[in-house]
Amino acid sequence: MKKKKPIDYSLYLVTDRGLAGGKPTLEIVEAAVKGGVTCVQLREKHASTREFIEEATAVRDFLSRAGIPLIINDRLDVALAVEADGLHLGQTDMPLETARRISGRSLIIGVSAESVRDAIEAENAGADYISASPVFSTPTKTDTAPPLGLKGVKEIRRRTALPLVAIGGLNPENIEAVIRSGADGVAVVSAIVCAKDPAEAARRLKERIQKARSA
């Protein structure tokens, strides 16, 4: 059984092929890591299982060489098939308890929390990290709960001890406030995936994160 390794959640990329403008996912991931991304979640809602596994394998091979963890969104079968580092579950995905029973302790499992209650329940159920979602309104996903805002991030931080990643409407202008509100890291989609230069976009975000942490 593969042992879990510590994860730096500070700049967490979530991929989205639909926003990439035809650019290959692996190309975006490579550029983002060059710019400072510390964790990558591969999200594929429309690919076939075979396509997802093929893409995940290529991304995993690159990330493994770079020392960056790969998290698979939703699909436990894919995560196990490619020996990813972790799995991310939303509130309507497979229950955490079921995923843990199937995978054992080999996978890092993160859970999206749309409320303080979600976060507390995820921690009690054995999640490894929590993703506060969404912090701000975002066009990336249309099926989200009302925005938590900075107040919601602060309250989740106050009520839970797990690593906390914030996602939803984050950009260079607001991530410093999110970090100062207690998030250990920020997860972004369009801020990197849609950028003309994903490496430079990641670099700017990383600078803001470091600035907030040093303040």
N, C-alpha and C. Protein backbone atom coordinates (compact mmCIF):
# COMPACT_ATOMS: atom_id res chain seq x y z
N MET A 1 0.84 -1.21 0.00
CA MET A 1 0.00 0.00 0.00
C MET A 1 0.87 1.25 0.00
N LYS A 2 0.55 2.19 -0.92
CA LYS A 2 1.32 3.42 -1.01
C LYS A 2 1.05 4.30 0.20
N LYS A 3 2.11 4.80 0.81
CA LYS A 3 1.95 5.68 1.96
C LYS A 3 1.59 7.09 1.50
N LYS A 4 0.76 7.74 2.30
CA LYS A 4 0.44 9.14 2.02
C LYS A 4 1.67 10.00 2.22
N LYS A 5 1.77 11.04 1.43
CA LYS A 5 2.85 11.99 1.63
C LYS A 5 2.26 13.36 1.92
N PRO A 6 2.96 14.16 2.69
CA PRO A 6 2.44 15.50 3.01
C PRO A 6 2.18 16.31 1.75
N ILE A 7 1.14 17.12 1.79
CA ILE A 7 0.78 17.93 0.62
C ILE A 7 0.87 19.41 0.97
N ASP A 8 1.44 20.16 0.05
CA ASP A 8 1.45 21.61 0.13
C ASP A 8 0.24 22.09 -0.68
N TYR A 9 -0.79 22.56 0.00
CA TYR A 9 -2.02 22.97 -0.66
C TYR A 9 -2.03 24.44 -1.08
N SER A 10 -0.93 25.13 -0.93
CA SER A 10 -0.94 26.59 -1.06
C SER A 10 -1.48 27.08 -2.41
N LEU A 11 -1.06 26.47 -3.51
CA LEU A 11 -1.59 26.85 -4.83
C LEU A 11 -2.03 25.59 -5.54
N TYR A 12 -3.33 25.38 -5.57
CA TYR A 12 -3.97 24.13 -5.95
C TYR A 12 -4.71 24.35 -7.27
N LEU A 13 -4.24 23.73 -8.33
CA LEU A 13 -4.87 23.86 -9.65
C LEU A 13 -5.93 22.79 -9.84
N VAL A 14 -7.11 23.21 -10.28
CA VAL A 14 -8.17 22.28 -10.68
C VAL A 14 -8.34 22.44 -12.19
N THR A 15 -8.16 21.35 -12.94
CA THR A 15 -8.22 21.45 -14.39
C THR A 15 -9.66 21.45 -14.89
N ASP A 16 -9.84 21.97 -16.09
CA ASP A 16 -11.15 21.98 -16.74
C ASP A 16 -10.92 22.07 -18.24
N ARG A 17 -11.10 20.95 -18.92
CA ARG A 17 -10.85 20.91 -20.35
C ARG A 17 -11.76 21.87 -21.11
N GLY A 18 -12.97 22.05 -20.61
CA GLY A 18 -13.93 22.92 -21.29
C GLY A 18 -13.54 24.38 -21.30
N LEU A 19 -12.67 24.78 -20.37
CA LEU A 19 -12.23 26.18 -20.31
C LEU A 19 -10.85 26.40 -20.96
N ALA A 20 -10.26 25.32 -21.44
CA ALA A 20 -8.86 25.39 -21.88
C ALA A 20 -8.69 25.91 -23.30
N GLY A 21 -9.78 26.13 -24.02
CA GLY A 21 -9.66 26.67 -25.37
C GLY A 21 -8.90 25.74 -26.32
N GLY A 22 -9.02 24.45 -26.10
CA GLY A 22 -8.35 23.50 -26.96
C GLY A 22 -6.93 23.16 -26.55
N LYS A 23 -6.40 23.85 -25.56
CA LYS A 23 -5.04 23.58 -25.11
C LYS A 23 -5.02 22.27 -24.32
N PRO A 24 -4.07 21.38 -24.58
CA PRO A 24 -4.02 20.10 -23.86
C PRO A 24 -3.86 20.31 -22.35
N THR A 25 -4.55 19.47 -21.59
CA THR A 25 -4.47 19.57 -20.13
C THR A 25 -3.05 19.43 -19.63
N LEU A 26 -2.31 18.47 -20.17
CA LEU A 26 -0.94 18.26 -19.72
C LEU A 26 -0.08 19.50 -19.95
N GLU A 27 -0.29 20.17 -21.06
CA GLU A 27 0.47 21.39 -21.35
C GLU A 27 0.20 22.47 -20.30
N ILE A 28 -1.07 22.61 -19.92
CA ILE A 28 -1.44 23.59 -18.90
C ILE A 28 -0.82 23.21 -17.56
N VAL A 29 -0.90 21.94 -17.21
CA VAL A 29 -0.35 21.48 -15.94
C VAL A 29 1.15 21.72 -15.89
N GLU A 30 1.85 21.41 -16.95
CA GLU A 30 3.31 21.62 -16.99
C GLU A 30 3.65 23.09 -16.77
N ALA A 31 2.93 23.97 -17.46
CA ALA A 31 3.19 25.41 -17.33
C ALA A 31 2.85 25.89 -15.92
N ALA A 32 1.73 25.41 -15.38
CA ALA A 32 1.30 25.84 -14.05
C ALA A 32 2.30 25.43 -12.99
N VAL A 33 2.82 24.22 -13.10
CA VAL A 33 3.83 23.76 -12.14
C VAL A 33 5.09 24.60 -12.25
N LYS A 34 5.46 24.94 -13.46
CA LYS A 34 6.62 25.82 -13.67
C LYS A 34 6.42 27.15 -12.96
N GLY A 35 5.16 27.61 -12.91
CA GLY A 35 4.85 28.89 -12.27
C GLY A 35 4.69 28.81 -10.77
N GLY A 36 4.63 27.60 -10.22
CA GLY A 36 4.56 27.48 -8.77
C GLY A 36 3.39 26.71 -8.19
N VAL A 37 2.57 26.09 -9.02
CA VAL A 37 1.47 25.27 -8.50
C VAL A 37 2.02 24.13 -7.66
N THR A 38 1.38 23.86 -6.53
CA THR A 38 1.89 22.85 -5.58
C THR A 38 1.04 21.59 -5.50
N CYS A 39 -0.13 21.61 -6.12
CA CYS A 39 -1.03 20.46 -6.08
C CYS A 39 -1.96 20.56 -7.29
N VAL A 40 -2.29 19.42 -7.90
CA VAL A 40 -3.15 19.43 -9.09
C VAL A 40 -4.30 18.45 -8.91
N GLN A 41 -5.51 18.95 -9.16
CA GLN A 41 -6.69 18.09 -9.19
C GLN A 41 -7.15 17.96 -10.64
N LEU A 42 -7.22 16.73 -11.11
CA LEU A 42 -7.67 16.47 -12.48
C LEU A 42 -9.17 16.24 -12.45
N ARG A 43 -9.89 17.13 -13.12
CA ARG A 43 -11.35 17.05 -13.14
C ARG A 43 -11.82 16.83 -14.58
N GLU A 44 -12.48 15.71 -14.82
CA GLU A 44 -13.00 15.38 -16.14
C GLU A 44 -14.43 14.87 -15.99
N LYS A 45 -15.39 15.71 -16.33
CA LYS A 45 -16.79 15.34 -16.16
C LYS A 45 -17.39 14.69 -17.41
N HIS A 46 -16.71 14.82 -18.55
CA HIS A 46 -17.32 14.35 -19.80
C HIS A 46 -16.46 13.33 -20.54
N ALA A 47 -15.26 13.07 -20.11
CA ALA A 47 -14.41 12.09 -20.79
C ALA A 47 -14.87 10.68 -20.45
N SER A 48 -14.62 9.75 -21.38
CA SER A 48 -14.89 8.35 -21.08
C SER A 48 -13.90 7.87 -20.02
N THR A 49 -14.21 6.74 -19.41
CA THR A 49 -13.30 6.21 -18.39
C THR A 49 -11.92 5.96 -18.96
N ARG A 50 -11.86 5.41 -20.17
CA ARG A 50 -10.56 5.13 -20.78
C ARG A 50 -9.79 6.43 -21.05
N GLU A 51 -10.49 7.42 -21.57
CA GLU A 51 -9.84 8.71 -21.84
C GLU A 51 -9.33 9.34 -20.55
N PHE A 52 -10.13 9.24 -19.51
CA PHE A 52 -9.75 9.82 -18.22
C PHE A 52 -8.49 9.14 -17.69
N ILE A 53 -8.45 7.82 -17.77
CA ILE A 53 -7.29 7.08 -17.28
C ILE A 53 -6.04 7.42 -18.08
N GLU A 54 -6.19 7.51 -19.40
CA GLU A 54 -5.04 7.83 -20.25
C GLU A 54 -4.49 9.22 -19.92
N GLU A 55 -5.39 10.19 -19.77
CA GLU A 55 -4.96 11.54 -19.44
C GLU A 55 -4.35 11.59 -18.04
N ALA A 56 -5.00 10.93 -17.09
CA ALA A 56 -4.50 10.92 -15.72
C ALA A 56 -3.13 10.27 -15.63
N THR A 57 -2.90 9.24 -16.41
CA THR A 57 -1.60 8.58 -16.40
C THR A 57 -0.50 9.50 -16.88
N ALA A 58 -0.78 10.23 -17.96
CA ALA A 58 0.21 11.17 -18.49
C ALA A 58 0.49 12.29 -17.49
N VAL A 59 -0.56 12.83 -16.88
CA VAL A 59 -0.40 13.90 -15.91
C VAL A 59 0.33 13.38 -14.67
N ARG A 60 -0.04 12.18 -14.23
CA ARG A 60 0.62 11.58 -13.06
C ARG A 60 2.11 11.40 -13.30
N ASP A 61 2.49 10.92 -14.48
CA ASP A 61 3.91 10.69 -14.77
C ASP A 61 4.70 11.98 -14.67
N PHE A 62 4.14 13.06 -15.22
CA PHE A 62 4.83 14.35 -15.14
C PHE A 62 4.89 14.84 -13.71
N LEU A 63 3.77 14.81 -13.00
CA LEU A 63 3.73 15.33 -11.64
C LEU A 63 4.62 14.52 -10.71
N SER A 64 4.69 13.23 -10.93
CA SER A 64 5.55 12.38 -10.10
C SER A 64 7.00 12.81 -10.22
N ARG A 65 7.43 13.11 -11.43
CA ARG A 65 8.82 13.57 -11.63
C ARG A 65 9.04 14.93 -10.99
N ALA A 66 7.98 15.75 -10.96
CA ALA A 66 8.09 17.09 -10.40
C ALA A 66 7.89 17.12 -8.89
N GLY A 67 7.48 15.98 -8.31
CA GLY A 67 7.23 15.93 -6.87
C GLY A 67 5.95 16.62 -6.46
N ILE A 68 4.97 16.68 -7.38
CA ILE A 68 3.69 17.36 -7.12
C ILE A 68 2.59 16.30 -7.03
N PRO A 69 1.73 16.36 -6.02
CA PRO A 69 0.67 15.35 -5.89
C PRO A 69 -0.45 15.52 -6.90
N LEU A 70 -1.03 14.39 -7.29
CA LEU A 70 -2.18 14.37 -8.20
C LEU A 70 -3.41 13.91 -7.43
N ILE A 71 -4.45 14.74 -7.48
CA ILE A 71 -5.75 14.42 -6.90
C ILE A 71 -6.73 14.21 -8.04
N ILE A 72 -7.53 13.17 -7.96
CA ILE A 72 -8.55 12.90 -8.97
C ILE A 72 -9.91 13.35 -8.45
N ASN A 73 -10.64 14.09 -9.25
CA ASN A 73 -11.96 14.56 -8.85
C ASN A 73 -12.99 13.46 -9.03
N ASP A 74 -13.67 13.12 -7.95
CA ASP A 74 -14.87 12.29 -7.97
C ASP A 74 -14.63 10.80 -8.23
N ARG A 75 -13.79 10.45 -9.20
CA ARG A 75 -13.70 9.09 -9.71
C ARG A 75 -12.70 8.24 -8.94
N LEU A 76 -13.20 7.51 -7.96
CA LEU A 76 -12.35 6.63 -7.17
C LEU A 76 -11.70 5.57 -8.03
N ASP A 77 -12.45 5.03 -9.01
CA ASP A 77 -11.88 3.99 -9.86
C ASP A 77 -10.66 4.49 -10.62
N VAL A 78 -10.74 5.72 -11.12
CA VAL A 78 -9.61 6.30 -11.85
C VAL A 78 -8.44 6.56 -10.91
N ALA A 79 -8.73 7.09 -9.73
CA ALA A 79 -7.68 7.37 -8.75
C ALA A 79 -6.90 6.11 -8.41
N LEU A 80 -7.62 5.01 -8.20
CA LEU A 80 -6.97 3.74 -7.87
C LEU A 80 -6.24 3.17 -9.08
N ALA A 81 -6.83 3.31 -10.26
CA ALA A 81 -6.24 2.74 -11.46
C ALA A 81 -4.89 3.36 -11.80
N VAL A 82 -4.76 4.67 -11.58
CA VAL A 82 -3.51 5.35 -11.95
C VAL A 82 -2.59 5.57 -10.74
N GLU A 83 -3.02 5.04 -9.59
CA GLU A 83 -2.25 5.21 -8.35
C GLU A 83 -1.99 6.69 -8.06
N ALA A 84 -3.07 7.46 -8.13
CA ALA A 84 -2.98 8.88 -7.80
C ALA A 84 -2.73 9.04 -6.30
N ASP A 85 -2.36 10.24 -5.90
CA ASP A 85 -2.12 10.51 -4.48
C ASP A 85 -3.41 10.69 -3.71
N GLY A 86 -4.45 11.15 -4.41
CA GLY A 86 -5.67 11.42 -3.67
C GLY A 86 -6.91 11.49 -4.51
N LEU A 87 -8.02 11.72 -3.83
CA LEU A 87 -9.35 11.79 -4.41
C LEU A 87 -10.07 12.98 -3.81
N HIS A 88 -10.83 13.70 -4.63
CA HIS A 88 -11.62 14.80 -4.11
C HIS A 88 -13.10 14.51 -4.32
N LEU A 89 -13.89 14.69 -3.27
CA LEU A 89 -15.31 14.39 -3.30
C LEU A 89 -16.15 15.62 -3.02
N GLY A 90 -17.18 15.81 -3.85
CA GLY A 90 -18.15 16.86 -3.60
C GLY A 90 -19.29 16.33 -2.75
N GLN A 91 -20.23 17.20 -2.44
CA GLN A 91 -21.34 16.82 -1.57
C GLN A 91 -22.30 15.84 -2.21
N THR A 92 -22.29 15.72 -3.54
CA THR A 92 -23.17 14.76 -4.21
C THR A 92 -22.40 13.57 -4.78
N ASP A 93 -21.11 13.48 -4.50
CA ASP A 93 -20.30 12.37 -4.98
C ASP A 93 -20.39 11.18 -4.01
N MET A 94 -19.59 10.17 -4.26
CA MET A 94 -19.54 9.00 -3.38
C MET A 94 -19.30 9.44 -1.94
N PRO A 95 -20.01 8.88 -0.98
CA PRO A 95 -19.78 9.23 0.42
C PRO A 95 -18.34 8.93 0.83
N LEU A 96 -17.80 9.79 1.67
CA LEU A 96 -16.43 9.62 2.12
C LEU A 96 -16.21 8.26 2.77
N GLU A 97 -17.15 7.83 3.60
CA GLU A 97 -17.00 6.56 4.29
C GLU A 97 -16.87 5.40 3.30
N THR A 98 -17.63 5.45 2.21
CA THR A 98 -17.57 4.40 1.19
C THR A 98 -16.23 4.42 0.48
N ALA A 99 -15.79 5.61 0.09
CA ALA A 99 -14.50 5.73 -0.59
C ALA A 99 -13.37 5.24 0.30
N ARG A 100 -13.44 5.56 1.58
CA ARG A 100 -12.39 5.13 2.50
C ARG A 100 -12.41 3.62 2.70
N ARG A 101 -13.60 3.05 2.74
CA ARG A 101 -13.70 1.60 2.92
C ARG A 101 -13.09 0.86 1.73
N ILE A 102 -13.29 1.39 0.54
CA ILE A 102 -12.77 0.75 -0.67
C ILE A 102 -11.27 0.97 -0.82
N SER A 103 -10.82 2.18 -0.55
CA SER A 103 -9.41 2.53 -0.81
C SER A 103 -8.50 2.30 0.37
N GLY A 104 -9.07 2.09 1.55
CA GLY A 104 -8.23 2.00 2.74
C GLY A 104 -7.66 3.37 3.06
N ARG A 105 -6.44 3.39 3.58
CA ARG A 105 -5.81 4.66 3.95
C ARG A 105 -4.78 5.10 2.92
N SER A 106 -4.80 4.48 1.73
CA SER A 106 -3.77 4.79 0.75
C SER A 106 -3.96 6.15 0.09
N LEU A 107 -5.20 6.62 0.01
CA LEU A 107 -5.48 7.88 -0.68
C LEU A 107 -5.72 9.02 0.30
N ILE A 108 -5.20 10.18 -0.05
CA ILE A 108 -5.61 11.42 0.59
C ILE A 108 -7.00 11.74 0.04
N ILE A 109 -7.95 12.00 0.91
CA ILE A 109 -9.30 12.30 0.45
C ILE A 109 -9.73 13.68 0.97
N GLY A 110 -10.05 14.54 0.02
CA GLY A 110 -10.55 15.86 0.35
C GLY A 110 -12.04 15.95 0.07
N VAL A 111 -12.72 16.81 0.79
CA VAL A 111 -14.16 16.94 0.67
C VAL A 111 -14.54 18.42 0.53
N SER A 112 -15.42 18.71 -0.44
CA SER A 112 -15.93 20.06 -0.58
C SER A 112 -16.94 20.35 0.52
N ALA A 113 -16.80 21.50 1.16
CA ALA A 113 -17.71 21.90 2.22
C ALA A 113 -18.42 23.18 1.80
N GLU A 114 -19.73 23.09 1.69
CA GLU A 114 -20.52 24.25 1.31
C GLU A 114 -21.05 25.01 2.51
N SER A 115 -20.74 24.50 3.70
CA SER A 115 -21.19 25.12 4.94
C SER A 115 -20.27 24.69 6.07
N VAL A 116 -20.40 25.34 7.20
CA VAL A 116 -19.63 24.94 8.37
C VAL A 116 -20.00 23.52 8.78
N ARG A 117 -21.27 23.19 8.70
CA ARG A 117 -21.72 21.85 9.06
C ARG A 117 -21.06 20.79 8.17
N ASP A 118 -20.99 21.07 6.85
CA ASP A 118 -20.32 20.13 5.93
C ASP A 118 -18.87 19.90 6.36
N ALA A 119 -18.20 20.97 6.74
CA ALA A 119 -16.79 20.87 7.12
C ALA A 119 -16.61 20.03 8.38
N ILE A 120 -17.45 20.26 9.36
CA ILE A 120 -17.36 19.50 10.61
C ILE A 120 -17.66 18.02 10.35
N GLU A 121 -18.67 17.74 9.55
CA GLU A 121 -19.01 16.35 9.24
C GLU A 121 -17.88 15.67 8.48
N ALA A 122 -17.25 16.38 7.56
CA ALA A 122 -16.14 15.80 6.80
C ALA A 122 -14.97 15.47 7.71
N GLU A 123 -14.67 16.38 8.64
CA GLU A 123 -13.58 16.12 9.57
C GLU A 123 -13.90 14.91 10.45
N ASN A 124 -15.11 14.85 10.94
CA ASN A 124 -15.50 13.73 11.80
C ASN A 124 -15.49 12.40 11.06
N ALA A 125 -15.73 12.45 9.74
CA ALA A 125 -15.78 11.22 8.94
C ALA A 125 -14.40 10.77 8.47
N GLY A 126 -13.36 11.60 8.72
CA GLY A 126 -12.02 11.18 8.38
C GLY A 126 -11.42 11.80 7.14
N ALA A 127 -11.94 12.94 6.70
CA ALA A 127 -11.33 13.62 5.54
C ALA A 127 -9.91 14.07 5.88
N ASP A 128 -9.10 14.20 4.86
CA ASP A 128 -7.72 14.66 5.05
C ASP A 128 -7.59 16.17 4.88
N TYR A 129 -8.48 16.75 4.07
CA TYR A 129 -8.52 18.21 3.93
C TYR A 129 -9.91 18.62 3.52
N ILE A 130 -10.20 19.90 3.68
CA ILE A 130 -11.51 20.45 3.36
C ILE A 130 -11.34 21.55 2.32
N SER A 131 -12.25 21.57 1.36
CA SER A 131 -12.28 22.64 0.38
C SER A 131 -13.53 23.48 0.61
N ALA A 132 -13.35 24.70 1.08
CA ALA A 132 -14.47 25.61 1.30
C ALA A 132 -14.95 26.10 -0.07
N SER A 133 -16.22 25.82 -0.40
CA SER A 133 -16.67 26.02 -1.76
C SER A 133 -18.15 26.39 -1.84
N PRO A 134 -18.47 27.47 -2.59
CA PRO A 134 -17.55 28.46 -3.15
C PRO A 134 -17.36 29.62 -2.18
N VAL A 135 -16.20 30.24 -2.24
CA VAL A 135 -15.97 31.41 -1.40
C VAL A 135 -16.68 32.62 -1.99
N PHE A 136 -16.49 32.82 -3.29
CA PHE A 136 -17.17 33.89 -4.02
C PHE A 136 -17.95 33.27 -5.18
N SER A 137 -18.85 34.02 -5.78
CA SER A 137 -19.59 33.50 -6.93
C SER A 137 -18.62 33.25 -8.07
N THR A 138 -18.91 32.22 -8.85
CA THR A 138 -18.00 31.84 -9.92
C THR A 138 -18.78 31.32 -11.11
N PRO A 139 -18.36 31.67 -12.34
CA PRO A 139 -19.02 31.13 -13.53
C PRO A 139 -18.53 29.74 -13.89
N THR A 140 -17.47 29.26 -13.21
CA THR A 140 -16.90 27.96 -13.56
C THR A 140 -17.87 26.83 -13.29
N LYS A 141 -18.63 26.92 -12.18
CA LYS A 141 -19.64 25.92 -11.86
C LYS A 141 -20.95 26.64 -11.55
N THR A 142 -22.04 26.12 -12.12
CA THR A 142 -23.34 26.78 -11.94
C THR A 142 -24.22 26.08 -10.92
N ASP A 143 -23.76 24.94 -10.40
CA ASP A 143 -24.58 24.16 -9.47
C ASP A 143 -24.08 24.28 -8.04
N THR A 144 -23.52 25.44 -7.70
CA THR A 144 -22.92 25.59 -6.39
C THR A 144 -23.89 26.20 -5.39
N ALA A 145 -23.53 26.06 -4.12
CA ALA A 145 -24.30 26.67 -3.04
C ALA A 145 -24.02 28.17 -3.00
N PRO A 146 -24.75 28.92 -2.17
CA PRO A 146 -24.47 30.36 -2.03
C PRO A 146 -23.04 30.58 -1.55
N PRO A 147 -22.39 31.66 -1.99
CA PRO A 147 -21.01 31.92 -1.59
C PRO A 147 -20.84 32.01 -0.08
N LEU A 148 -19.76 31.43 0.41
CA LEU A 148 -19.45 31.47 1.84
C LEU A 148 -18.91 32.83 2.27
N GLY A 149 -18.20 33.49 1.37
CA GLY A 149 -17.57 34.75 1.72
C GLY A 149 -16.41 34.55 2.68
N LEU A 150 -15.72 35.62 2.98
CA LEU A 150 -14.60 35.54 3.91
C LEU A 150 -15.07 35.14 5.31
N LYS A 151 -16.26 35.57 5.67
CA LYS A 151 -16.81 35.21 6.98
C LYS A 151 -16.96 33.70 7.10
N GLY A 152 -17.41 33.06 6.03
CA GLY A 152 -17.58 31.62 6.05
C GLY A 152 -16.25 30.89 6.15
N VAL A 153 -15.23 31.40 5.45
CA VAL A 153 -13.90 30.81 5.54
C VAL A 153 -13.37 30.90 6.97
N LYS A 154 -13.53 32.06 7.57
CA LYS A 154 -13.07 32.25 8.94
C LYS A 154 -13.76 31.31 9.91
N GLU A 155 -15.07 31.11 9.72
CA GLU A 155 -15.82 30.25 10.63
C GLU A 155 -15.43 28.78 10.46
N ILE A 156 -15.22 28.35 9.21
CA ILE A 156 -14.77 26.97 8.99
C ILE A 156 -13.39 26.78 9.60
N ARG A 157 -12.53 27.78 9.44
CA ARG A 157 -11.20 27.69 10.04
C ARG A 157 -11.29 27.58 11.56
N ARG A 158 -12.22 28.31 12.14
CA ARG A 158 -12.36 28.31 13.60
C ARG A 158 -12.89 26.97 14.11
N ARG A 159 -13.71 26.31 13.30
CA ARG A 159 -14.40 25.10 13.77
C ARG A 159 -13.71 23.80 13.38
N THR A 160 -12.71 23.85 12.51
CA THR A 160 -12.04 22.62 12.07
C THR A 160 -10.52 22.78 12.13
N ALA A 161 -9.84 21.65 12.26
CA ALA A 161 -8.38 21.65 12.35
C ALA A 161 -7.71 21.14 11.08
N LEU A 162 -8.48 20.65 10.13
CA LEU A 162 -7.91 20.09 8.91
C LEU A 162 -7.34 21.18 8.01
N PRO A 163 -6.41 20.82 7.11
CA PRO A 163 -5.97 21.77 6.10
C PRO A 163 -7.18 22.30 5.34
N LEU A 164 -7.20 23.59 5.09
CA LEU A 164 -8.35 24.25 4.47
C LEU A 164 -7.96 24.91 3.16
N VAL A 165 -8.59 24.47 2.09
CA VAL A 165 -8.37 25.04 0.76
C VAL A 165 -9.62 25.80 0.35
N ALA A 166 -9.45 27.02 -0.11
CA ALA A 166 -10.59 27.83 -0.55
C ALA A 166 -10.69 27.79 -2.08
N ILE A 167 -11.92 27.75 -2.60
CA ILE A 167 -12.13 27.73 -4.04
C ILE A 167 -13.40 28.50 -4.37
N GLY A 168 -13.43 29.06 -5.56
CA GLY A 168 -14.63 29.75 -6.03
C GLY A 168 -14.41 31.23 -6.22
N GLY A 169 -14.26 31.66 -7.47
CA GLY A 169 -14.12 33.07 -7.77
C GLY A 169 -12.83 33.70 -7.30
N LEU A 170 -11.78 32.92 -7.16
CA LEU A 170 -10.51 33.44 -6.64
C LEU A 170 -9.62 33.95 -7.76
N ASN A 171 -8.92 35.04 -7.48
CA ASN A 171 -8.04 35.67 -8.46
C ASN A 171 -6.97 36.46 -7.71
N PRO A 172 -6.01 37.05 -8.42
CA PRO A 172 -4.93 37.77 -7.74
C PRO A 172 -5.41 38.91 -6.83
N GLU A 173 -6.60 39.44 -7.10
CA GLU A 173 -7.09 40.58 -6.31
C GLU A 173 -7.68 40.16 -4.96
N ASN A 174 -8.12 38.93 -4.83
CA ASN A 174 -8.80 38.57 -3.58
C ASN A 174 -8.16 37.43 -2.78
N ILE A 175 -7.14 36.78 -3.32
CA ILE A 175 -6.61 35.61 -2.61
C ILE A 175 -5.85 35.98 -1.34
N GLU A 176 -5.28 37.17 -1.28
CA GLU A 176 -4.59 37.55 -0.05
C GLU A 176 -5.57 37.60 1.12
N ALA A 177 -6.74 38.16 0.88
CA ALA A 177 -7.76 38.23 1.94
C ALA A 177 -8.22 36.84 2.34
N VAL A 178 -8.27 35.92 1.40
CA VAL A 178 -8.69 34.56 1.70
C VAL A 178 -7.65 33.85 2.58
N ILE A 179 -6.38 34.03 2.24
CA ILE A 179 -5.31 33.44 3.05
C ILE A 179 -5.32 34.04 4.46
N ARG A 180 -5.51 35.35 4.54
CA ARG A 180 -5.53 36.00 5.85
C ARG A 180 -6.75 35.58 6.66
N SER A 181 -7.78 35.07 5.99
CA SER A 181 -8.98 34.61 6.69
C SER A 181 -8.83 33.19 7.23
N GLY A 182 -7.70 32.56 6.96
CA GLY A 182 -7.44 31.26 7.56
C GLY A 182 -7.24 30.11 6.60
N ALA A 183 -7.37 30.34 5.30
CA ALA A 183 -7.16 29.25 4.34
C ALA A 183 -5.68 28.90 4.26
N ASP A 184 -5.40 27.61 4.18
CA ASP A 184 -4.02 27.15 4.00
C ASP A 184 -3.59 27.24 2.55
N GLY A 185 -4.57 27.28 1.67
CA GLY A 185 -4.26 27.37 0.25
C GLY A 185 -5.46 27.82 -0.54
N VAL A 186 -5.24 28.13 -1.81
CA VAL A 186 -6.33 28.52 -2.70
C VAL A 186 -6.33 27.60 -3.90
N ALA A 187 -7.52 27.19 -4.31
CA ALA A 187 -7.69 26.36 -5.50
C ALA A 187 -8.30 27.23 -6.59
N VAL A 188 -7.71 27.16 -7.76
CA VAL A 188 -8.19 27.99 -8.87
C VAL A 188 -8.41 27.14 -10.11
N VAL A 189 -9.32 27.58 -10.93
CA VAL A 189 -9.58 26.93 -12.21
C VAL A 189 -9.27 27.93 -13.32
N SER A 190 -10.22 28.83 -13.59
CA SER A 190 -10.09 29.73 -14.72
C SER A 190 -8.90 30.68 -14.60
N ALA A 191 -8.51 31.04 -13.38
CA ALA A 191 -7.40 31.98 -13.20
C ALA A 191 -6.11 31.47 -13.83
N ILE A 192 -6.00 30.15 -13.97
CA ILE A 192 -4.83 29.56 -14.63
C ILE A 192 -5.21 28.93 -15.96
N VAL A 193 -6.28 28.13 -15.97
CA VAL A 193 -6.65 27.39 -17.17
C VAL A 193 -6.97 28.32 -18.33
N CYS A 194 -7.61 29.44 -18.06
CA CYS A 194 -8.00 30.38 -19.12
C CYS A 194 -6.91 31.40 -19.47
N ALA A 195 -5.84 31.41 -18.71
CA ALA A 195 -4.78 32.41 -18.93
C ALA A 195 -4.01 32.13 -20.22
N LYS A 196 -3.60 33.20 -20.90
CA LYS A 196 -2.77 33.03 -22.08
C LYS A 196 -1.43 32.42 -21.73
N ASP A 197 -0.94 32.77 -20.54
CA ASP A 197 0.33 32.24 -20.05
C ASP A 197 0.10 31.63 -18.67
N PRO A 198 -0.25 30.34 -18.61
CA PRO A 198 -0.55 29.72 -17.32
C PRO A 198 0.60 29.78 -16.32
N ALA A 199 1.83 29.73 -16.81
CA ALA A 199 2.99 29.80 -15.91
C ALA A 199 3.06 31.15 -15.23
N GLU A 200 2.87 32.21 -15.99
CA GLU A 200 2.93 33.55 -15.43
C GLU A 200 1.73 33.79 -14.51
N ALA A 201 0.57 33.26 -14.88
CA ALA A 201 -0.62 33.41 -14.03
C ALA A 201 -0.38 32.72 -12.69
N ALA A 202 0.19 31.53 -12.72
CA ALA A 202 0.49 30.82 -11.47
C ALA A 202 1.52 31.57 -10.65
N ARG A 203 2.49 32.14 -11.31
CA ARG A 203 3.55 32.88 -10.62
C ARG A 203 2.97 34.09 -9.88
N ARG A 204 2.06 34.81 -10.53
CA ARG A 204 1.43 35.97 -9.88
C ARG A 204 0.62 35.55 -8.67
N LEU A 205 -0.12 34.46 -8.81
CA LEU A 205 -0.91 33.96 -7.68
C LEU A 205 -0.01 33.54 -6.53
N LYS A 206 1.07 32.87 -6.84
CA LYS A 206 1.98 32.40 -5.80
C LYS A 206 2.60 33.57 -5.06
N GLU A 207 2.93 34.63 -5.76
CA GLU A 207 3.48 35.82 -5.11
C GLU A 207 2.50 36.42 -4.13
N ARG A 208 1.21 36.45 -4.51
CA ARG A 208 0.18 37.00 -3.62
C ARG A 208 0.00 36.13 -2.38
N ILE A 209 0.07 34.82 -2.57
CA ILE A 209 -0.06 33.89 -1.44
C ILE A 209 1.09 34.09 -0.46
N GLN A 210 2.29 34.17 -1.00
CA GLN A 210 3.48 34.36 -0.14
C GLN A 210 3.42 35.70 0.58
N LYS A 211 2.93 36.72 -0.11
CA LYS A 211 2.81 38.04 0.50
C LYS A 211 1.82 38.00 1.67
N ALA A 212 0.69 37.31 1.47
CA ALA A 212 -0.32 37.22 2.54
C ALA A 212 0.22 36.46 3.74
N ARG A 213 0.98 35.44 3.47
CA ARG A 213 1.53 34.64 4.56
C ARG A 213 2.59 35.39 5.36
N SER A 214 3.29 36.25 4.71
CA SER A 214 4.37 36.98 5.40
C SER A 214 3.89 38.24 6.09
N ALA A 215 2.65 38.63 5.79
CA ALA A 215 2.12 39.89 6.34
C ALA A 215 1.89 39.75 7.84
